[in-house]
Amino acid sequence: MTDLDLGGGYSARPISLDDYRETCARLEDRIFGGNSLYAFDPPVRPAPPPGDSWNWGVYHGAALVGWHHAHALDGRTVYMADTGLLPEHQGRGVYLRLLTHLLAVFRAAGFTLVQTSTA
């Protein structure tokens, strides 16, 4: 998959599960202010089977400013588990533009149901 042009100088590109986990560990406190809803310990979580997860880095120019992670729950359902953007990049419509692309990717992969949590 190539970079997704999100407009306004933003893009998203696939990253490995390890890169996603490293990005979360590095940026999570800045994004969630130490109040993450997830007890996230990257080394402990097992990797999903190959092809069953999608990880994107979100970039402004060349700078990594956020991420998205989703994984398959079953053959019909994908779970959007984690998205984060640095505070200075929030409120600019980046997530909405990313979501449009994500839903197209999931649809093309054959998923008919998308779940997420707003906890």
PDB file of N, CA and C in Angstrom:
ATOM      1  N   MET A   1       0.848  -1.181   0.000  1.00  0.00           N
ATOM      2  CA  MET A   1       0.000   0.000   0.000  1.00  0.00           C
ATOM      3  C   MET A   1       0.889   1.238   0.000  1.00  0.00           C
ATOM      4  N   THR A   2       0.498   2.213  -0.749  1.00  0.00           N
ATOM      5  CA  THR A   2       1.258   3.458  -0.809  1.00  0.00           C
ATOM      6  C   THR A   2       0.754   4.425   0.256  1.00  0.00           C
ATOM      7  N   ASP A   3       1.453   5.548   0.381  1.00  0.00           N
ATOM      8  CA  ASP A   3       1.029   6.578   1.321  1.00  0.00           C
ATOM      9  C   ASP A   3      -0.382   7.051   0.989  1.00  0.00           C
ATOM     10  N   LEU A   4      -1.144   7.329   2.021  1.00  0.00           N
ATOM     11  CA  LEU A   4      -2.471   7.917   1.862  1.00  0.00           C
ATOM     12  C   LEU A   4      -2.325   9.424   2.026  1.00  0.00           C
ATOM     13  N   ASP A   5      -2.708  10.180   1.023  1.00  0.00           N
ATOM     14  CA  ASP A   5      -2.667  11.635   1.100  1.00  0.00           C
ATOM     15  C   ASP A   5      -3.896  12.095   1.862  1.00  0.00           C
ATOM     16  N   LEU A   6      -3.679  12.705   3.036  1.00  0.00           N
ATOM     17  CA  LEU A   6      -4.784  13.159   3.873  1.00  0.00           C
ATOM     18  C   LEU A   6      -5.049  14.648   3.719  1.00  0.00           C
ATOM     19  N   GLY A   7      -4.312  15.297   2.823  1.00  0.00           N
ATOM     20  CA  GLY A   7      -4.494  16.729   2.607  1.00  0.00           C
ATOM     21  C   GLY A   7      -3.838  17.559   3.701  1.00  0.00           C
ATOM     22  N   GLY A   8      -3.639  18.832   3.407  1.00  0.00           N
ATOM     23  CA  GLY A   8      -3.074  19.744   4.394  1.00  0.00           C
ATOM     24  C   GLY A   8      -1.666  19.397   4.843  1.00  0.00           C
ATOM     25  N   GLY A   9      -0.934  18.662   4.000  1.00  0.00           N
ATOM     26  CA  GLY A   9       0.425  18.267   4.360  1.00  0.00           C
ATOM     27  C   GLY A   9       0.492  16.993   5.191  1.00  0.00           C
ATOM     28  N   TYR A  10      -0.653  16.340   5.407  1.00  0.00           N
ATOM     29  CA  TYR A  10      -0.709  15.108   6.198  1.00  0.00           C
ATOM     30  C   TYR A  10      -0.766  13.896   5.287  1.00  0.00           C
ATOM     31  N   SER A  11      -0.199  12.805   5.769  1.00  0.00           N
ATOM     32  CA  SER A  11      -0.286  11.535   5.065  1.00  0.00           C
ATOM     33  C   SER A  11      -0.277  10.418   6.099  1.00  0.00           C
ATOM     34  N   ALA A  12      -0.659   9.251   5.649  1.00  0.00           N
ATOM     35  CA  ALA A  12      -0.576   8.054   6.490  1.00  0.00           C
ATOM     36  C   ALA A  12       0.084   6.979   5.659  1.00  0.00           C
ATOM     37  N   ARG A  13       0.890   6.168   6.309  1.00  0.00           N
ATOM     38  CA  ARG A  13       1.518   5.059   5.589  1.00  0.00           C
ATOM     39  C   ARG A  13       1.584   3.847   6.506  1.00  0.00           C
ATOM     40  N   PRO A  14       1.513   2.682   5.912  1.00  0.00           N
ATOM     41  CA  PRO A  14       1.612   1.458   6.710  1.00  0.00           C
ATOM     42  C   PRO A  14       2.943   1.401   7.447  1.00  0.00           C
ATOM     43  N   ILE A  15       2.873   0.938   8.673  1.00  0.00           N
ATOM     44  CA  ILE A  15       4.077   0.697   9.478  1.00  0.00           C
ATOM     45  C   ILE A  15       3.957  -0.701  10.070  1.00  0.00           C
ATOM     46  N   SER A  16       5.062  -1.242  10.504  1.00  0.00           N
ATOM     47  CA  SER A  16       5.039  -2.581  11.098  1.00  0.00           C
ATOM     48  C   SER A  16       4.406  -2.524  12.491  1.00  0.00           C
ATOM     49  N   LEU A  17       3.998  -3.684  12.980  1.00  0.00           N
ATOM     50  CA  LEU A  17       3.449  -3.774  14.334  1.00  0.00           C
ATOM     51  C   LEU A  17       4.481  -3.294  15.350  1.00  0.00           C
ATOM     52  N   ASP A  18       5.742  -3.647  15.143  1.00  0.00           N
ATOM     53  CA  ASP A  18       6.795  -3.193  16.063  1.00  0.00           C
ATOM     54  C   ASP A  18       6.938  -1.675  16.033  1.00  0.00           C
ATOM     55  N   ASP A  19       6.876  -1.076  14.832  1.00  0.00           N
ATOM     56  CA  ASP A  19       6.964   0.387  14.735  1.00  0.00           C
ATOM     57  C   ASP A  19       5.758   1.048  15.386  1.00  0.00           C
ATOM     58  N   TYR A  20       4.577   0.474  15.209  1.00  0.00           N
ATOM     59  CA  TYR A  20       3.370   0.995  15.871  1.00  0.00           C
ATOM     60  C   TYR A  20       3.558   0.983  17.382  1.00  0.00           C
ATOM     61  N   ARG A  21       4.020  -0.136  17.909  1.00  0.00           N
ATOM     62  CA  ARG A  21       4.205  -0.256  19.363  1.00  0.00           C
ATOM     63  C   ARG A  21       5.252   0.732  19.876  1.00  0.00           C
ATOM     64  N   GLU A  22       6.334   0.904  19.141  1.00  0.00           N
ATOM     65  CA  GLU A  22       7.374   1.858  19.545  1.00  0.00           C
ATOM     66  C   GLU A  22       6.824   3.278  19.515  1.00  0.00           C
ATOM     67  N   THR A  23       6.036   3.587  18.489  1.00  0.00           N
ATOM     68  CA  THR A  23       5.437   4.918  18.388  1.00  0.00           C
ATOM     69  C   THR A  23       4.510   5.175  19.563  1.00  0.00           C
ATOM     70  N   CYS A  24       3.676   4.218  19.901  1.00  0.00           N
ATOM     71  CA  CYS A  24       2.785   4.364  21.059  1.00  0.00           C
ATOM     72  C   CYS A  24       3.586   4.613  22.329  1.00  0.00           C
ATOM     73  N   ALA A  25       4.600   3.810  22.543  1.00  0.00           N
ATOM     74  CA  ALA A  25       5.400   3.954  23.759  1.00  0.00           C
ATOM     75  C   ALA A  25       6.047   5.341  23.839  1.00  0.00           C
ATOM     76  N   ARG A  26       6.442   5.884  22.695  1.00  0.00           N
ATOM     77  CA  ARG A  26       7.141   7.165  22.664  1.00  0.00           C
ATOM     78  C   ARG A  26       6.196   8.362  22.756  1.00  0.00           C
ATOM     79  N   LEU A  27       5.016   8.286  22.138  1.00  0.00           N
ATOM     80  CA  LEU A  27       4.138   9.449  22.024  1.00  0.00           C
ATOM     81  C   LEU A  27       2.889   9.403  22.899  1.00  0.00           C
ATOM     82  N   GLU A  28       2.566   8.260  23.467  1.00  0.00           N
ATOM     83  CA  GLU A  28       1.297   8.087  24.179  1.00  0.00           C
ATOM     84  C   GLU A  28       1.080   9.121  25.285  1.00  0.00           C
ATOM     85  N   ASP A  29       2.076   9.379  26.106  1.00  0.00           N
ATOM     86  CA  ASP A  29       1.895  10.355  27.191  1.00  0.00           C
ATOM     87  C   ASP A  29       1.623  11.755  26.663  1.00  0.00           C
ATOM     88  N   ARG A  30       2.276  12.141  25.559  1.00  0.00           N
ATOM     89  CA  ARG A  30       2.023  13.463  24.975  1.00  0.00           C
ATOM     90  C   ARG A  30       0.614  13.554  24.405  1.00  0.00           C
ATOM     91  N   ILE A  31       0.121  12.458  23.867  1.00  0.00           N
ATOM     92  CA  ILE A  31      -1.202  12.463  23.246  1.00  0.00           C
ATOM     93  C   ILE A  31      -2.303  12.362  24.288  1.00  0.00           C
ATOM     94  N   PHE A  32      -2.152  11.454  25.231  1.00  0.00           N
ATOM     95  CA  PHE A  32      -3.208  11.203  26.205  1.00  0.00           C
ATOM     96  C   PHE A  32      -2.927  11.825  27.574  1.00  0.00           C
ATOM     97  N   GLY A  33      -1.815  12.538  27.708  1.00  0.00           N
ATOM     98  CA  GLY A  33      -1.508  13.210  28.970  1.00  0.00           C
ATOM     99  C   GLY A  33      -1.394  12.275  30.155  1.00  0.00           C
ATOM    100  N   GLY A  34      -0.920  11.071  29.921  1.00  0.00           N
ATOM    101  CA  GLY A  34      -0.784  10.097  31.002  1.00  0.00           C
ATOM    102  C   GLY A  34      -2.104   9.472  31.410  1.00  0.00           C
ATOM    103  N   ASN A  35      -3.168   9.743  30.648  1.00  0.00           N
ATOM    104  CA  ASN A  35      -4.499   9.234  30.983  1.00  0.00           C
ATOM    105  C   ASN A  35      -5.027   8.264  29.937  1.00  0.00           C
ATOM    106  N   SER A  36      -4.171   7.426  29.405  1.00  0.00           N
ATOM    107  CA  SER A  36      -4.613   6.472  28.405  1.00  0.00           C
ATOM    108  C   SER A  36      -5.660   5.548  29.002  1.00  0.00           C
ATOM    109  N   LEU A  37      -6.663   5.223  28.207  1.00  0.00           N
ATOM    110  CA  LEU A  37      -7.704   4.306  28.646  1.00  0.00           C
ATOM    111  C   LEU A  37      -7.241   2.859  28.564  1.00  0.00           C
ATOM    112  N   TYR A  38      -6.083   2.630  27.984  1.00  0.00           N
ATOM    113  CA  TYR A  38      -5.604   1.282  27.758  1.00  0.00           C
ATOM    114  C   TYR A  38      -4.415   0.988  28.651  1.00  0.00           C
ATOM    115  N   ALA A  39      -4.425  -0.200  29.253  1.00  0.00           N
ATOM    116  CA  ALA A  39      -3.245  -0.670  29.970  1.00  0.00           C
ATOM    117  C   ALA A  39      -2.345  -1.277  28.900  1.00  0.00           C
ATOM    118  N   PHE A  40      -1.573  -0.423  28.238  1.00  0.00           N
ATOM    119  CA  PHE A  40      -0.837  -0.845  27.057  1.00  0.00           C
ATOM    120  C   PHE A  40       0.602  -1.143  27.411  1.00  0.00           C
ATOM    121  N   ASP A  41       0.974  -2.369  27.277  1.00  0.00           N
ATOM    122  CA  ASP A  41       2.345  -2.794  27.510  1.00  0.00           C
ATOM    123  C   ASP A  41       2.797  -3.517  26.254  1.00  0.00           C
ATOM    124  N   PRO A  42       3.368  -2.791  25.283  1.00  0.00           N
ATOM    125  CA  PRO A  42       3.654  -3.383  23.975  1.00  0.00           C
ATOM    126  C   PRO A  42       4.375  -4.724  23.994  1.00  0.00           C
ATOM    127  N   PRO A  43       5.395  -4.951  24.838  1.00  0.00           N
ATOM    128  CA  PRO A  43       6.076  -6.237  24.756  1.00  0.00           C
ATOM    129  C   PRO A  43       5.200  -7.424  25.148  1.00  0.00           C
ATOM    130  N   VAL A  44       4.116  -7.192  25.908  1.00  0.00           N
ATOM    131  CA  VAL A  44       3.297  -8.286  26.405  1.00  0.00           C
ATOM    132  C   VAL A  44       2.236  -8.716  25.406  1.00  0.00           C
ATOM    133  N   ARG A  45       1.697  -7.792  24.640  1.00  0.00           N
ATOM    134  CA  ARG A  45       0.632  -8.132  23.704  1.00  0.00           C
ATOM    135  C   ARG A  45       1.165  -8.971  22.553  1.00  0.00           C
ATOM    136  N   PRO A  46       0.525 -10.108  22.281  1.00  0.00           N
ATOM    137  CA  PRO A  46       0.983 -10.924  21.156  1.00  0.00           C
ATOM    138  C   PRO A  46       0.635 -10.265  19.826  1.00  0.00           C
ATOM    139  N   ALA A  47       1.416 -10.558  18.840  1.00  0.00           N
ATOM    140  CA  ALA A  47       1.157 -10.025  17.498  1.00  0.00           C
ATOM    141  C   ALA A  47      -0.008 -10.784  16.877  1.00  0.00           C
ATOM    142  N   PRO A  48      -0.909 -10.079  16.189  1.00  0.00           N
ATOM    143  CA  PRO A  48      -1.960 -10.778  15.434  1.00  0.00           C
ATOM    144  C   PRO A  48      -1.319 -11.568  14.297  1.00  0.00           C
ATOM    145  N   PRO A  49      -2.024 -12.561  13.787  1.00  0.00           N
ATOM    146  CA  PRO A  49      -1.489 -13.297  12.636  1.00  0.00           C
ATOM    147  C   PRO A  49      -1.208 -12.350  11.478  1.00  0.00           C
ATOM    148  N   PRO A  50      -0.213 -12.662  10.654  1.00  0.00           N
ATOM    149  CA  PRO A  50       0.091 -11.801   9.496  1.00  0.00           C
ATOM    150  C   PRO A  50      -1.160 -11.575   8.647  1.00  0.00           C
ATOM    151  N   GLY A  51      -1.342 -10.349   8.217  1.00  0.00           N
ATOM    152  CA  GLY A  51      -2.491 -10.010   7.395  1.00  0.00           C
ATOM    153  C   GLY A  51      -3.752  -9.725   8.176  1.00  0.00           C
ATOM    154  N   ASP A  52      -3.708  -9.900   9.507  1.00  0.00           N
ATOM    155  CA  ASP A  52      -4.891  -9.670  10.329  1.00  0.00           C
ATOM    156  C   ASP A  52      -4.818  -8.390  11.135  1.00  0.00           C
ATOM    157  N   SER A  53      -3.819  -7.547  10.871  1.00  0.00           N
ATOM    158  CA  SER A  53      -3.774  -6.252  11.542  1.00  0.00           C
ATOM    159  C   SER A  53      -3.290  -5.189  10.568  1.00  0.00           C
ATOM    160  N   TRP A  54      -3.685  -3.959  10.856  1.00  0.00           N
ATOM    161  CA  TRP A  54      -3.326  -2.826  10.029  1.00  0.00           C
ATOM    162  C   TRP A  54      -2.802  -1.748  10.943  1.00  0.00           C
ATOM    163  N   ASN A  55      -1.603  -1.265  10.645  1.00  0.00           N
ATOM    164  CA  ASN A  55      -0.954  -0.232  11.450  1.00  0.00           C
ATOM    165  C   ASN A  55      -0.517   0.882  10.516  1.00  0.00           C
ATOM    166  N   TRP A  56      -0.853   2.104  10.869  1.00  0.00           N
ATOM    167  CA  TRP A  56      -0.460   3.257  10.073  1.00  0.00           C
ATOM    168  C   TRP A  56       0.231   4.269  10.961  1.00  0.00           C
ATOM    169  N   GLY A  57       1.253   4.875  10.420  1.00  0.00           N
ATOM    170  CA  GLY A  57       1.810   6.073  11.015  1.00  0.00           C
ATOM    171  C   GLY A  57       1.160   7.256  10.334  1.00  0.00           C
ATOM    172  N   VAL A  58       0.853   8.293  11.099  1.00  0.00           N
ATOM    173  CA  VAL A  58       0.280   9.522  10.539  1.00  0.00           C
ATOM    174  C   VAL A  58       1.391  10.569  10.574  1.00  0.00           C
ATOM    175  N   TYR A  59       1.624  11.204   9.443  1.00  0.00           N
ATOM    176  CA  TYR A  59       2.751  12.124   9.278  1.00  0.00           C
ATOM    177  C   TYR A  59       2.267  13.505   8.867  1.00  0.00           C
ATOM    178  N   HIS A  60       2.959  14.513   9.347  1.00  0.00           N
ATOM    179  CA  HIS A  60       2.799  15.883   8.835  1.00  0.00           C
ATOM    180  C   HIS A  60       4.145  16.204   8.215  1.00  0.00           C
ATOM    181  N   GLY A  61       4.174  16.267   6.891  1.00  0.00           N
ATOM    182  CA  GLY A  61       5.467  16.319   6.210  1.00  0.00           C
ATOM    183  C   GLY A  61       6.196  15.023   6.516  1.00  0.00           C
ATOM    184  N   ALA A  62       7.422  15.144   7.009  1.00  0.00           N
ATOM    185  CA  ALA A  62       8.205  13.960   7.357  1.00  0.00           C
ATOM    186  C   ALA A  62       8.083  13.584   8.833  1.00  0.00           C
ATOM    187  N   ALA A  63       7.398  14.412   9.628  1.00  0.00           N
ATOM    188  CA  ALA A  63       7.317  14.188  11.081  1.00  0.00           C
ATOM    189  C   ALA A  63       6.166  13.242  11.426  1.00  0.00           C
ATOM    190  N   LEU A  64       6.465  12.217  12.216  1.00  0.00           N
ATOM    191  CA  LEU A  64       5.457  11.295  12.711  1.00  0.00           C
ATOM    192  C   LEU A  64       4.659  11.998  13.803  1.00  0.00           C
ATOM    193  N   VAL A  65       3.347  12.139  13.598  1.00  0.00           N
ATOM    194  CA  VAL A  65       2.516  12.887  14.550  1.00  0.00           C
ATOM    195  C   VAL A  65       1.389  12.045  15.131  1.00  0.00           C
ATOM    196  N   GLY A  66       1.298  10.774  14.732  1.00  0.00           N
ATOM    197  CA  GLY A  66       0.246   9.925  15.281  1.00  0.00           C
ATOM    198  C   GLY A  66       0.262   8.541  14.678  1.00  0.00           C
ATOM    199  N   TRP A  67      -0.779   7.768  15.002  1.00  0.00           N
ATOM    200  CA  TRP A  67      -0.853   6.382  14.562  1.00  0.00           C
ATOM    201  C   TRP A  67      -2.300   5.914  14.508  1.00  0.00           C
ATOM    202  N   HIS A  68      -2.478   4.762  13.902  1.00  0.00           N
ATOM    203  CA  HIS A  68      -3.745   4.037  13.956  1.00  0.00           C
ATOM    204  C   HIS A  68      -3.430   2.546  13.919  1.00  0.00           C
ATOM    205  N   HIS A  69      -4.190   1.766  14.703  1.00  0.00           N
ATOM    206  CA  HIS A  69      -4.057   0.306  14.704  1.00  0.00           C
ATOM    207  C   HIS A  69      -5.452  -0.309  14.666  1.00  0.00           C
ATOM    208  N   ALA A  70      -5.624  -1.298  13.819  1.00  0.00           N
ATOM    209  CA  ALA A  70      -6.857  -2.086  13.756  1.00  0.00           C
ATOM    210  C   ALA A  70      -6.483  -3.543  13.545  1.00  0.00           C
ATOM    211  N   HIS A  71      -7.369  -4.443  13.976  1.00  0.00           N
ATOM    212  CA  HIS A  71      -7.126  -5.861  13.736  1.00  0.00           C
ATOM    213  C   HIS A  71      -8.447  -6.594  13.520  1.00  0.00           C
ATOM    214  N   ALA A  72      -8.351  -7.733  12.851  1.00  0.00           N
ATOM    215  CA  ALA A  72      -9.527  -8.547  12.557  1.00  0.00           C
ATOM    216  C   ALA A  72      -9.993  -9.253  13.822  1.00  0.00           C
ATOM    217  N   LEU A  73     -11.295  -9.221  14.054  1.00  0.00           N
ATOM    218  CA  LEU A  73     -11.874 -10.024  15.138  1.00  0.00           C
ATOM    219  C   LEU A  73     -12.348 -11.369  14.602  1.00  0.00           C
ATOM    220  N   ASP A  74     -12.820 -11.341  13.375  1.00  0.00           N
ATOM    221  CA  ASP A  74     -13.248 -12.560  12.685  1.00  0.00           C
ATOM    222  C   ASP A  74     -13.277 -12.233  11.189  1.00  0.00           C
ATOM    223  N   GLY A  75     -13.774 -13.128  10.381  1.00  0.00           N
ATOM    224  CA  GLY A  75     -13.753 -12.923   8.943  1.00  0.00           C
ATOM    225  C   GLY A  75     -14.626 -11.790   8.448  1.00  0.00           C
ATOM    226  N   ARG A  76     -15.488 -11.268   9.295  1.00  0.00           N
ATOM    227  CA  ARG A  76     -16.406 -10.214   8.886  1.00  0.00           C
ATOM    228  C   ARG A  76     -16.168  -8.907   9.622  1.00  0.00           C
ATOM    229  N   THR A  77     -15.484  -8.953  10.786  1.00  0.00           N
ATOM    230  CA  THR A  77     -15.388  -7.800  11.674  1.00  0.00           C
ATOM    231  C   THR A  77     -13.958  -7.332  11.867  1.00  0.00           C
ATOM    232  N   VAL A  78     -13.740  -6.034  11.689  1.00  0.00           N
ATOM    233  CA  VAL A  78     -12.454  -5.421  11.999  1.00  0.00           C
ATOM    234  C   VAL A  78     -12.676  -4.490  13.198  1.00  0.00           C
ATOM    235  N   TYR A  79     -11.710  -4.472  14.114  1.00  0.00           N
ATOM    236  CA  TYR A  79     -11.801  -3.653  15.320  1.00  0.00           C
ATOM    237  C   TYR A  79     -10.761  -2.535  15.243  1.00  0.00           C
ATOM    238  N   MET A  80     -11.241  -1.300  15.220  1.00  0.00           N
ATOM    239  CA  MET A  80     -10.351  -0.138  15.237  1.00  0.00           C
ATOM    240  C   MET A  80      -9.974   0.091  16.703  1.00  0.00           C
ATOM    241  N   ALA A  81      -8.779  -0.363  17.082  1.00  0.00           N
ATOM    242  CA  ALA A  81      -8.404  -0.450  18.482  1.00  0.00           C
ATOM    243  C   ALA A  81      -7.724   0.798  19.043  1.00  0.00           C
ATOM    244  N   ASP A  82      -7.007   1.548  18.218  1.00  0.00           N
ATOM    245  CA  ASP A  82      -6.168   2.589  18.800  1.00  0.00           C
ATOM    246  C   ASP A  82      -5.808   3.632  17.752  1.00  0.00           C
ATOM    247  N   THR A  83      -6.100   4.885  18.070  1.00  0.00           N
ATOM    248  CA  THR A  83      -5.711   6.001  17.220  1.00  0.00           C
ATOM    249  C   THR A  83      -5.220   7.114  18.123  1.00  0.00           C
ATOM    250  N   GLY A  84      -4.153   7.779  17.731  1.00  0.00           N
ATOM    251  CA  GLY A  84      -3.670   8.917  18.500  1.00  0.00           C
ATOM    252  C   GLY A  84      -3.018   9.947  17.598  1.00  0.00           C
ATOM    253  N   LEU A  85      -3.254  11.214  17.913  1.00  0.00           N
ATOM    254  CA  LEU A  85      -2.607  12.335  17.223  1.00  0.00           C
ATOM    255  C   LEU A  85      -2.065  13.287  18.274  1.00  0.00           C
ATOM    256  N   LEU A  86      -0.857  13.798  18.051  1.00  0.00           N
ATOM    257  CA  LEU A  86      -0.304  14.790  18.968  1.00  0.00           C
ATOM    258  C   LEU A  86      -1.272  15.964  19.096  1.00  0.00           C
ATOM    259  N   PRO A  87      -1.385  16.551  20.284  1.00  0.00           N
ATOM    260  CA  PRO A  87      -2.366  17.617  20.521  1.00  0.00           C
ATOM    261  C   PRO A  87      -2.331  18.749  19.503  1.00  0.00           C
ATOM    262  N   GLU A  88      -1.153  19.142  19.061  1.00  0.00           N
ATOM    263  CA  GLU A  88      -1.067  20.249  18.116  1.00  0.00           C
ATOM    264  C   GLU A  88      -1.593  19.891  16.725  1.00  0.00           C
ATOM    265  N   HIS A  89      -1.927  18.619  16.505  1.00  0.00           N
ATOM    266  CA  HIS A  89      -2.473  18.188  15.212  1.00  0.00           C
ATOM    267  C   HIS A  89      -3.932  17.744  15.334  1.00  0.00           C
ATOM    268  N   GLN A  90      -4.488  17.841  16.520  1.00  0.00           N
ATOM    269  CA  GLN A  90      -5.896  17.507  16.732  1.00  0.00           C
ATOM    270  C   GLN A  90      -6.770  18.694  16.331  1.00  0.00           C
ATOM    271  N   GLY A  91      -8.017  18.409  15.999  1.00  0.00           N
ATOM    272  CA  GLY A  91      -8.952  19.467  15.646  1.00  0.00           C
ATOM    273  C   GLY A  91      -8.754  20.043  14.258  1.00  0.00           C
ATOM    274  N   ARG A  92      -8.015  19.348  13.421  1.00  0.00           N
ATOM    275  CA  ARG A  92      -7.743  19.815  12.052  1.00  0.00           C
ATOM    276  C   ARG A  92      -8.387  18.925  10.995  1.00  0.00           C
ATOM    277  N   GLY A  93      -9.214  17.993  11.430  1.00  0.00           N
ATOM    278  CA  GLY A  93      -9.896  17.107  10.487  1.00  0.00           C
ATOM    279  C   GLY A  93      -9.051  15.947   9.991  1.00  0.00           C
ATOM    280  N   VAL A  94      -7.882  15.746  10.592  1.00  0.00           N
ATOM    281  CA  VAL A  94      -6.984  14.679  10.135  1.00  0.00           C
ATOM    282  C   VAL A  94      -7.625  13.313  10.353  1.00  0.00           C
ATOM    283  N   TYR A  95      -8.210  13.097  11.530  1.00  0.00           N
ATOM    284  CA  TYR A  95      -8.813  11.793  11.809  1.00  0.00           C
ATOM    285  C   TYR A  95      -9.973  11.513  10.861  1.00  0.00           C
ATOM    286  N   LEU A  96     -10.819  12.473  10.610  1.00  0.00           N
ATOM    287  CA  LEU A  96     -11.943  12.267   9.702  1.00  0.00           C
ATOM    288  C   LEU A  96     -11.456  11.884   8.306  1.00  0.00           C
ATOM    289  N   ARG A  97     -10.421  12.554   7.839  1.00  0.00           N
ATOM    290  CA  ARG A  97      -9.875  12.217   6.513  1.00  0.00           C
ATOM    291  C   ARG A  97      -9.214  10.843   6.527  1.00  0.00           C
ATOM    292  N   LEU A  98      -8.545  10.498   7.625  1.00  0.00           N
ATOM    293  CA  LEU A  98      -7.951   9.165   7.757  1.00  0.00           C
ATOM    294  C   LEU A  98      -9.047   8.103   7.783  1.00  0.00           C
ATOM    295  N   LEU A  99     -10.107   8.353   8.531  1.00  0.00           N
ATOM    296  CA  LEU A  99     -11.192   7.388   8.657  1.00  0.00           C
ATOM    297  C   LEU A  99     -11.795   7.036   7.299  1.00  0.00           C
ATOM    298  N   THR A 100     -11.960   8.003   6.439  1.00  0.00           N
ATOM    299  CA  THR A 100     -12.490   7.745   5.099  1.00  0.00           C
ATOM    300  C   THR A 100     -11.640   6.712   4.376  1.00  0.00           C
ATOM    301  N   HIS A 101     -10.320   6.851   4.449  1.00  0.00           N
ATOM    302  CA  HIS A 101      -9.411   5.890   3.808  1.00  0.00           C
ATOM    303  C   HIS A 101      -9.455   4.531   4.507  1.00  0.00           C
ATOM    304  N   LEU A 102      -9.484   4.538   5.834  1.00  0.00           N
ATOM    305  CA  LEU A 102      -9.495   3.273   6.574  1.00  0.00           C
ATOM    306  C   LEU A 102     -10.722   2.439   6.213  1.00  0.00           C
ATOM    307  N   LEU A 103     -11.871   3.076   6.182  1.00  0.00           N
ATOM    308  CA  LEU A 103     -13.093   2.331   5.859  1.00  0.00           C
ATOM    309  C   LEU A 103     -13.021   1.725   4.461  1.00  0.00           C
ATOM    310  N   ALA A 104     -12.416   2.436   3.514  1.00  0.00           N
ATOM    311  CA  ALA A 104     -12.241   1.893   2.165  1.00  0.00           C
ATOM    312  C   ALA A 104     -11.290   0.692   2.181  1.00  0.00           C
ATOM    313  N   VAL A 105     -10.224   0.764   2.956  1.00  0.00           N
ATOM    314  CA  VAL A 105      -9.269  -0.351   3.077  1.00  0.00           C
ATOM    315  C   VAL A 105      -9.963  -1.571   3.667  1.00  0.00           C
ATOM    316  N   PHE A 106     -10.737  -1.360   4.734  1.00  0.00           N
ATOM    317  CA  PHE A 106     -11.420  -2.486   5.379  1.00  0.00           C
ATOM    318  C   PHE A 106     -12.455  -3.105   4.443  1.00  0.00           C
ATOM    319  N   ARG A 107     -13.183  -2.270   3.727  1.00  0.00           N
ATOM    320  CA  ARG A 107     -14.184  -2.759   2.774  1.00  0.00           C
ATOM    321  C   ARG A 107     -13.499  -3.584   1.676  1.00  0.00           C
ATOM    322  N   ALA A 108     -12.382  -3.076   1.159  1.00  0.00           N
ATOM    323  CA  ALA A 108     -11.654  -3.794   0.104  1.00  0.00           C
ATOM    324  C   ALA A 108     -11.103  -5.128   0.601  1.00  0.00           C
ATOM    325  N   ALA A 109     -10.829  -5.212   1.907  1.00  0.00           N
ATOM    326  CA  ALA A 109     -10.332  -6.460   2.487  1.00  0.00           C
ATOM    327  C   ALA A 109     -11.467  -7.440   2.791  1.00  0.00           C
ATOM    328  N   GLY A 110     -12.714  -7.027   2.539  1.00  0.00           N
ATOM    329  CA  GLY A 110     -13.846  -7.933   2.698  1.00  0.00           C
ATOM    330  C   GLY A 110     -14.598  -7.825   4.008  1.00  0.00           C
ATOM    331  N   PHE A 111     -14.258  -6.859   4.842  1.00  0.00           N
ATOM    332  CA  PHE A 111     -14.962  -6.718   6.114  1.00  0.00           C
ATOM    333  C   PHE A 111     -16.285  -5.988   5.907  1.00  0.00           C
ATOM    334  N   THR A 112     -17.312  -6.447   6.611  1.00  0.00           N
ATOM    335  CA  THR A 112     -18.634  -5.837   6.509  1.00  0.00           C
ATOM    336  C   THR A 112     -19.054  -5.150   7.800  1.00  0.00           C
ATOM    337  N   LEU A 113     -18.254  -5.269   8.855  1.00  0.00           N
ATOM    338  CA  LEU A 113     -18.568  -4.652  10.140  1.00  0.00           C
ATOM    339  C   LEU A 113     -17.296  -4.062  10.728  1.00  0.00           C
ATOM    340  N   VAL A 114     -17.384  -2.827  11.181  1.00  0.00           N
ATOM    341  CA  VAL A 114     -16.260  -2.156  11.839  1.00  0.00           C
ATOM    342  C   VAL A 114     -16.698  -1.818  13.264  1.00  0.00           C
ATOM    343  N   GLN A 115     -15.884  -2.219  14.237  1.00  0.00           N
ATOM    344  CA  GLN A 115     -16.167  -1.905  15.631  1.00  0.00           C
ATOM    345  C   GLN A 115     -15.068  -1.021  16.184  1.00  0.00           C
ATOM    346  N   THR A 116     -15.438  -0.195  17.153  1.00  0.00           N
ATOM    347  CA  THR A 116     -14.495   0.624  17.890  1.00  0.00           C
ATOM    348  C   THR A 116     -15.077   0.873  19.253  1.00  0.00           C
ATOM    349  N   SER A 117     -14.276   1.430  20.131  1.00  0.00           N
ATOM    350  CA  SER A 117     -14.724   1.750  21.473  1.00  0.00           C
ATOM    351  C   SER A 117     -14.543   3.229  21.708  1.00  0.00           C
ATOM    352  N   THR A 118     -15.462   3.840  22.385  1.00  0.00           N
ATOM    353  CA  THR A 118     -15.334   5.246  22.757  1.00  0.00           C
ATOM    354  C   THR A 118     -15.181   5.377  24.253  1.00  0.00           C
ATOM    355  N   ALA A 119     -14.788   4.304  24.907  1.00  0.00           N
ATOM    356  CA  ALA A 119     -14.683   4.262  26.378  1.00  0.00           C
ATOM    357  C   ALA A 119     -13.981   5.421  26.967  1.00  0.00           C
TER     358      ALA A 119
END
